[in-house]
Amino acid sequence: MTGHRHGTYRFLAGAILPALALYAVFVLSPYAQAFYLSLTDWTGVSGDVGLVGFDNFRRLAGDPLFLAALRNNGVMLVVVPVVTIALGLLLAALVSFGGRRGTAIGGARFYQIAYFFPQLLSLPIIAVLWQFVYHPNDGLLNGLLRAAGLGGLARSWLGDPHLALAAVMAVLVWSSVGFYMVLFAAAMSAIPTEIVEAATLDGAGRLATLWRVVIPLLRDNVQVAFVYLGVLALDGFAVVQIMTVGPGGPDNATEVIGLGLYRNAFTYGKFGYAAAMGVALFFLTLALAVVALRAGRRERVELA
């Protein structure tokens, strides 16, 4: 019996240890190198690496561009997940329960495919497409406004400091909402129809049924969506880099941490300082995930 147990342990060790070794080399090792570089003044070119301790992090606290990026990422962290999840839930509910007697609407599969389509495009391609949509002279958005007799509402969407960040967030929401609509619709399809019918028979309207019956049953899905969308909002590098003109857009209105990291590393040759930004972004993302998961766990404990 003992020999059989040892054989099982050897088999498990042989199956797990190679995967752990690969994980350590390709995941943990780059993290460790980034943490080390954040404590240095490495330029990315020179072989000389001088330890500066926490000076890079102290500089971050007084860097106006980093603080502007932190503020913009904070706004995106609130707006992008909330709007995307709200629209995803609404569209999923309309597709799943918008028919007669709370059933799925006709052509539900078509709508899911249509809304999911942006997921087939990479984020840089989406950014390029929307850059043309937002063009102040030949863009589709201003063209539609002028054709509808609303030319007074035409704006330089990416050139106005008051509108640039909102324009970028609208693109992030548009590119993500279809995926979460399909995710929520799949979760809603697993809800027993008896529950929805019982709420309807009790006199609950469709909005009340969605808010008080359906959404509570999708709490885990919403929690996961918030974490992933929060990570997207804390990044935002590709969209801002492609869509906006100049570093950080007009008057740093679209400056984000990822953009500052890229600029400091590959334009200014301050790899140590850029690594400090990356470490700060890592801990912000980690804190977001921990807070969201703990909040979800606490809600489940209270309901139990």
Protein backbone atom coordinates (compact mmCIF):
# COMPACT_ATOMS: atom_id res chain seq x y z
CA MET A 1 0.00 0.00 0.00
CA THR A 2 2.87 2.32 0.89
CA GLY A 3 4.61 1.63 -2.41
CA HIS A 4 1.41 2.38 -4.31
CA ARG A 5 1.10 5.70 -2.46
CA HIS A 6 4.70 6.63 -3.23
CA GLY A 7 4.09 5.76 -6.87
CA THR A 8 1.08 8.05 -6.92
CA TYR A 9 3.13 10.87 -5.39
CA ARG A 10 5.87 10.38 -7.98
CA PHE A 11 3.33 10.48 -10.79
CA LEU A 12 1.75 13.69 -9.43
CA ALA A 13 5.18 15.28 -8.96
CA GLY A 14 6.18 14.33 -12.51
CA ALA A 15 2.96 15.86 -13.87
CA ILE A 16 2.96 19.05 -11.78
CA LEU A 17 6.64 20.01 -11.43
CA PRO A 18 7.30 20.67 -15.16
CA ALA A 19 4.26 22.94 -15.32
CA LEU A 20 5.38 24.76 -12.17
CA ALA A 21 8.88 25.15 -13.61
CA LEU A 22 7.51 26.65 -16.83
CA TYR A 23 5.24 28.96 -14.81
CA ALA A 24 8.19 30.11 -12.70
CA VAL A 25 10.37 30.78 -15.74
CA PHE A 26 7.85 32.50 -18.00
CA VAL A 27 5.53 34.19 -15.45
CA LEU A 28 7.15 34.64 -12.04
CA SER A 29 10.63 35.42 -13.37
CA PRO A 30 9.52 38.42 -15.51
CA TYR A 31 7.57 39.77 -12.52
CA ALA A 32 10.64 39.44 -10.31
CA GLN A 33 12.80 41.18 -12.93
CA ALA A 34 10.28 44.03 -13.20
CA PHE A 35 10.26 44.48 -9.42
CA TYR A 36 14.04 44.56 -9.41
CA LEU A 37 14.28 47.04 -12.30
CA SER A 38 11.82 49.36 -10.53
CA LEU A 39 14.51 49.84 -7.87
CA THR A 40 17.19 50.83 -10.41
CA ASP A 41 18.05 53.64 -12.82
CA TRP A 42 18.56 51.34 -15.80
CA THR A 43 18.27 53.09 -19.15
CA GLY A 44 17.51 49.97 -21.18
CA VAL A 45 20.72 50.33 -23.20
CA SER A 46 23.61 50.66 -20.80
CA GLY A 47 24.97 47.62 -19.02
CA ASP A 48 25.35 49.65 -15.85
CA VAL A 49 22.50 49.23 -13.42
CA GLY A 50 22.49 51.36 -10.28
CA LEU A 51 20.20 50.68 -7.36
CA VAL A 52 18.18 53.74 -6.34
CA GLY A 53 15.87 52.06 -3.85
CA PHE A 54 12.38 53.54 -3.72
CA ASP A 55 13.36 56.84 -5.42
CA ASN A 56 11.38 55.92 -8.55
CA PHE A 57 8.23 55.41 -6.49
CA ARG A 58 8.78 58.72 -4.67
CA ARG A 59 9.07 60.42 -8.06
CA LEU A 60 5.77 58.87 -9.12
CA ALA A 61 4.02 60.54 -6.21
CA GLY A 62 5.09 63.96 -7.51
CA ASP A 63 4.87 63.33 -11.26
CA PRO A 64 1.95 65.40 -12.66
CA LEU A 65 1.66 63.19 -15.75
CA PHE A 66 1.45 60.05 -13.63
CA LEU A 67 -1.12 61.65 -11.35
CA ALA A 68 -3.16 62.71 -14.40
CA ALA A 69 -2.94 59.15 -15.71
CA LEU A 70 -4.00 57.80 -12.32
CA ARG A 71 -7.01 60.13 -12.31
CA ASN A 72 -8.03 59.18 -15.86
CA ASN A 73 -7.64 55.47 -15.14
CA GLY A 74 -9.75 55.97 -12.02
CA VAL A 75 -12.54 57.56 -14.07
CA MET A 76 -12.32 54.72 -16.61
CA LEU A 77 -12.36 52.16 -13.80
CA VAL A 78 -15.74 53.48 -12.67
CA VAL A 79 -17.40 54.31 -15.98
CA VAL A 80 -16.33 51.48 -18.32
CA PRO A 81 -17.32 48.49 -16.13
CA VAL A 82 -20.56 50.07 -14.88
CA VAL A 83 -21.81 51.18 -18.31
CA THR A 84 -20.70 47.99 -20.07
CA ILE A 85 -22.28 45.69 -17.48
CA ALA A 86 -25.49 47.75 -17.39
CA LEU A 87 -25.84 47.69 -21.18
CA GLY A 88 -24.87 44.02 -21.34
CA LEU A 89 -27.52 43.10 -18.78
CA LEU A 90 -30.15 45.22 -20.53
CA LEU A 91 -29.45 43.79 -23.98
CA ALA A 92 -29.27 40.24 -22.62
CA ALA A 93 -32.58 40.72 -20.83
CA LEU A 94 -34.23 42.12 -23.97
CA VAL A 95 -33.00 39.15 -26.00
CA SER A 96 -33.79 36.51 -23.35
CA PHE A 97 -37.06 37.82 -21.90
CA GLY A 98 -38.24 40.44 -24.39
CA GLY A 99 -40.74 38.18 -26.12
CA ARG A 100 -44.29 37.44 -25.15
CA ARG A 101 -44.78 36.02 -21.66
CA GLY A 102 -41.14 36.59 -20.82
CA THR A 103 -39.71 34.29 -23.48
CA ALA A 104 -36.80 34.91 -25.84
CA ILE A 105 -37.46 37.24 -28.75
CA GLY A 106 -37.49 36.03 -32.34
CA GLY A 107 -34.05 36.09 -33.91
CA ALA A 108 -32.31 36.09 -30.54
CA ARG A 109 -29.35 34.18 -31.98
CA PHE A 110 -28.92 36.76 -34.75
CA TYR A 111 -28.81 39.64 -32.26
CA GLN A 112 -26.23 37.85 -30.15
CA ILE A 113 -24.01 37.27 -33.17
CA ALA A 114 -24.42 40.88 -34.33
CA TYR A 115 -23.51 42.33 -30.94
CA PHE A 116 -20.65 39.87 -30.53
CA PHE A 117 -19.08 40.89 -33.86
CA PRO A 118 -16.66 43.53 -32.42
CA GLN A 119 -14.99 40.72 -30.46
CA LEU A 120 -13.73 39.35 -33.78
CA LEU A 121 -11.65 42.50 -34.28
CA SER A 122 -8.47 43.25 -32.36
CA LEU A 123 -8.43 46.35 -30.18
CA PRO A 124 -5.92 48.23 -32.41
CA ILE A 125 -8.17 47.68 -35.45
CA ILE A 126 -11.17 48.95 -33.48
CA ALA A 127 -9.17 52.02 -32.45
CA VAL A 128 -8.24 52.78 -36.07
CA LEU A 129 -11.86 52.40 -37.22
CA TRP A 130 -13.15 54.73 -34.52
CA GLN A 131 -10.41 57.21 -35.25
CA PHE A 132 -12.04 57.62 -38.67
CA VAL A 133 -15.51 57.74 -37.11
CA TYR A 134 -14.43 60.60 -34.83
CA HIS A 135 -12.60 62.58 -37.56
CA PRO A 136 -13.77 66.21 -37.22
CA ASN A 137 -14.17 66.85 -40.96
CA ASP A 138 -14.76 63.55 -42.74
CA GLY A 139 -15.79 61.38 -39.81
CA LEU A 140 -18.96 59.29 -39.83
CA LEU A 141 -20.26 60.70 -36.54
CA ASN A 142 -20.07 64.37 -37.53
CA GLY A 143 -21.32 63.48 -41.01
CA LEU A 144 -24.46 61.87 -39.56
CA LEU A 145 -25.03 64.86 -37.28
CA ARG A 146 -24.78 67.28 -40.19
CA ALA A 147 -27.05 65.10 -42.36
CA ALA A 148 -29.64 65.11 -39.60
CA GLY A 149 -29.51 68.91 -39.36
CA LEU A 150 -27.59 68.79 -36.07
CA GLY A 151 -24.36 70.24 -37.37
CA GLY A 152 -24.13 72.44 -34.29
CA LEU A 153 -23.40 69.30 -32.25
CA ALA A 154 -20.41 68.33 -34.42
CA ARG A 155 -17.21 68.40 -32.44
CA SER A 156 -13.54 67.56 -32.62
CA TRP A 157 -14.21 64.55 -30.42
CA LEU A 158 -10.60 63.51 -29.90
CA GLY A 159 -9.20 67.05 -29.94
CA ASP A 160 -11.41 68.51 -27.21
CA PRO A 161 -9.96 67.98 -23.70
CA HIS A 162 -13.50 67.79 -22.29
CA LEU A 163 -14.63 65.08 -24.72
CA ALA A 164 -11.53 63.04 -25.55
CA LEU A 165 -11.65 60.71 -22.53
CA ALA A 166 -15.39 60.14 -22.95
CA ALA A 167 -14.83 59.31 -26.63
CA VAL A 168 -12.16 56.76 -25.71
CA MET A 169 -14.37 55.18 -23.03
CA ALA A 170 -17.25 54.93 -25.52
CA VAL A 171 -15.00 52.85 -27.79
CA LEU A 172 -14.02 50.54 -24.92
CA VAL A 173 -17.68 50.06 -24.01
CA TRP A 174 -18.70 49.45 -27.65
CA SER A 175 -15.94 46.88 -28.13
CA SER A 176 -16.81 44.96 -24.93
CA VAL A 177 -20.57 45.11 -24.47
CA GLY A 178 -21.33 42.40 -27.05
CA PHE A 179 -19.22 39.80 -25.28
CA TYR A 180 -20.83 40.44 -21.90
CA MET A 181 -24.28 40.55 -23.48
CA VAL A 182 -23.68 37.00 -24.78
CA LEU A 183 -22.22 35.96 -21.41
CA PHE A 184 -25.21 37.28 -19.48
CA ALA A 185 -27.68 35.88 -22.01
CA ALA A 186 -26.14 32.42 -21.59
CA ALA A 187 -26.44 32.74 -17.81
CA MET A 188 -30.06 33.93 -18.11
CA SER A 189 -30.93 30.97 -20.29
CA ALA A 190 -29.95 28.71 -17.37
CA ILE A 191 -32.47 30.40 -15.05
CA PRO A 192 -35.60 28.19 -14.71
CA THR A 193 -38.51 29.80 -16.53
CA GLU A 194 -40.72 28.99 -13.54
CA ILE A 195 -38.92 31.63 -11.50
CA VAL A 196 -39.58 34.37 -14.05
CA GLU A 197 -43.16 33.23 -14.56
CA ALA A 198 -43.78 33.23 -10.79
CA ALA A 199 -42.52 36.81 -10.53
CA THR A 200 -44.77 37.83 -13.42
CA LEU A 201 -47.80 36.17 -11.84
CA ASP A 202 -47.07 38.02 -8.60
CA GLY A 203 -47.50 41.28 -10.49
CA ALA A 204 -43.84 42.20 -10.99
CA GLY A 205 -43.15 44.17 -14.16
CA ARG A 206 -40.32 43.25 -16.49
CA LEU A 207 -37.95 45.85 -15.04
CA ALA A 208 -38.71 44.74 -11.47
CA THR A 209 -38.24 41.10 -12.46
CA LEU A 210 -34.89 41.92 -14.03
CA TRP A 211 -33.71 43.95 -11.03
CA ARG A 212 -35.04 41.81 -8.18
CA VAL A 213 -35.00 38.29 -9.62
CA VAL A 214 -32.67 37.91 -12.60
CA ILE A 215 -29.70 40.11 -11.66
CA PRO A 216 -29.28 38.61 -8.14
CA LEU A 217 -29.01 35.18 -9.78
CA LEU A 218 -26.21 36.53 -12.03
CA ARG A 219 -24.11 37.94 -9.19
CA ASP A 220 -21.09 35.71 -9.90
CA ASN A 221 -21.16 36.54 -13.62
CA VAL A 222 -21.37 40.27 -12.90
CA GLN A 223 -18.49 40.00 -10.45
CA VAL A 224 -16.22 38.29 -12.98
CA ALA A 225 -17.22 40.83 -15.63
CA PHE A 226 -16.34 43.71 -13.31
CA VAL A 227 -12.86 42.28 -12.66
CA TYR A 228 -12.08 41.80 -16.35
CA LEU A 229 -13.49 45.19 -17.34
CA GLY A 230 -11.59 46.81 -14.49
CA VAL A 231 -8.36 45.35 -15.84
CA LEU A 232 -9.28 46.69 -19.29
CA ALA A 233 -9.97 50.14 -17.83
CA LEU A 234 -6.67 50.18 -15.93
CA ASP A 235 -4.87 49.49 -19.21
CA GLY A 236 -6.45 51.37 -22.12
CA PHE A 237 -3.00 51.78 -23.70
CA ALA A 238 -3.72 50.54 -27.23
CA VAL A 239 -6.85 52.65 -27.76
CA VAL A 240 -5.29 55.84 -26.38
CA GLN A 241 -2.00 55.35 -28.23
CA ILE A 242 -3.71 54.90 -31.60
CA MET A 243 -6.71 57.22 -31.36
CA THR A 244 -5.32 60.33 -29.68
CA VAL A 245 -2.77 62.77 -31.06
CA GLY A 246 0.38 63.46 -29.05
CA PRO A 247 1.33 62.02 -25.67
CA GLY A 248 -1.76 61.80 -23.52
CA GLY A 249 -4.11 63.50 -25.97
CA PRO A 250 -5.17 67.15 -25.69
CA ASP A 251 -4.00 68.67 -22.40
CA ASN A 252 -3.23 65.15 -21.07
CA ALA A 253 -6.96 64.44 -21.08
CA THR A 254 -6.41 60.81 -22.11
CA GLU A 255 -3.12 60.13 -20.35
CA VAL A 256 -3.14 56.60 -18.89
CA ILE A 257 -0.57 54.67 -16.89
CA GLY A 258 0.25 52.26 -19.72
CA LEU A 259 0.97 55.16 -22.08
CA GLY A 260 3.29 56.84 -19.57
CA LEU A 261 5.07 53.54 -19.02
CA TYR A 262 5.64 53.05 -22.76
CA ARG A 263 6.81 56.63 -23.27
CA ASN A 264 9.28 56.58 -20.38
CA ALA A 265 10.75 53.24 -21.43
CA PHE A 266 11.02 53.50 -25.21
CA THR A 267 11.14 57.27 -25.80
CA TYR A 268 13.03 58.62 -22.80
CA GLY A 269 15.09 55.52 -21.99
CA LYS A 270 13.99 55.44 -18.34
CA PHE A 271 13.35 51.73 -17.98
CA GLY A 272 13.75 51.77 -14.21
CA TYR A 273 11.16 54.52 -13.83
CA ALA A 274 8.86 52.78 -16.32
CA ALA A 275 9.20 49.53 -14.36
CA ALA A 276 8.10 51.42 -11.24
CA MET A 277 4.96 52.48 -13.13
CA GLY A 278 4.40 48.87 -14.12
CA VAL A 279 4.73 47.71 -10.52
CA ALA A 280 2.26 50.40 -9.40
CA LEU A 281 -0.17 49.26 -12.12
CA PHE A 282 0.29 45.65 -11.02
CA PHE A 283 -0.65 46.40 -7.43
CA LEU A 284 -3.61 48.54 -8.51
CA THR A 285 -4.92 45.66 -10.63
CA LEU A 286 -4.28 43.17 -7.83
CA ALA A 287 -6.12 45.40 -5.35
CA LEU A 288 -9.07 45.69 -7.72
CA ALA A 289 -9.33 41.91 -8.08
CA VAL A 290 -9.01 41.28 -4.34
CA VAL A 291 -11.64 43.91 -3.43
CA ALA A 292 -14.09 42.65 -6.06
CA LEU A 293 -13.68 38.98 -5.08
CA ARG A 294 -13.92 39.72 -1.35
CA ALA A 295 -17.04 41.82 -1.89
CA GLY A 296 -18.64 38.98 -3.82
CA ARG A 297 -17.70 36.46 -1.12
CA ARG A 298 -19.11 38.68 1.63
CA GLU A 299 -22.41 39.01 -0.23
CA ARG A 300 -22.66 35.24 -0.61
CA VAL A 301 -21.99 34.76 3.13
CA GLU A 302 -24.68 37.31 4.04
CA LEU A 303 -27.20 35.63 1.74
CA ALA A 304 -26.37 32.22 3.24
